Amino acid sequence: MTVRSGLKTKSYVLAIRITRLSRFLETAQREDVLSKLVLRSGTAIGAVIREAEYARSKVSFRHKIRVALKEVNETYYWLSILRDTDYLAQRQFENLEKTCNDISRMLASNLDKTTD
């Protein structure tokens, strides 16, 4: 089972952007609860994708990909909360939202290419 390098790269870049966002929220905005939540889910995506690379079976691979999809969905949720509470500008949100959507599509494609 393989994970496309584009997916690994996109999830890594997202993790970097989320880490920087979290740092900004904590230092400039003095917001530490939501910043930690989005940091956890946003960085977990790539970590779980990397774990999937070394899955021992197709079932394990698919499970990890599903977990990564759940983390993307959770990240999107926290980003939405940050936008709707004016901690995150609409333009920043849209950029991160696009990346989350791209990663979701790529993960779904990985699921479609493996069978139980």
Foldseek 3Di string as FASTA:
>chain_A
DAADPVLLVLLVVQLVVLLVLLVCCCPVVVDHPLSVQLNVLSNVLNVLQVVLRPDPDLVRNLVSLVVSLVSLVSNLVSLVVCPVVVVDPPVRNVVSVVSSVVSNVSSVVVNVVTDD
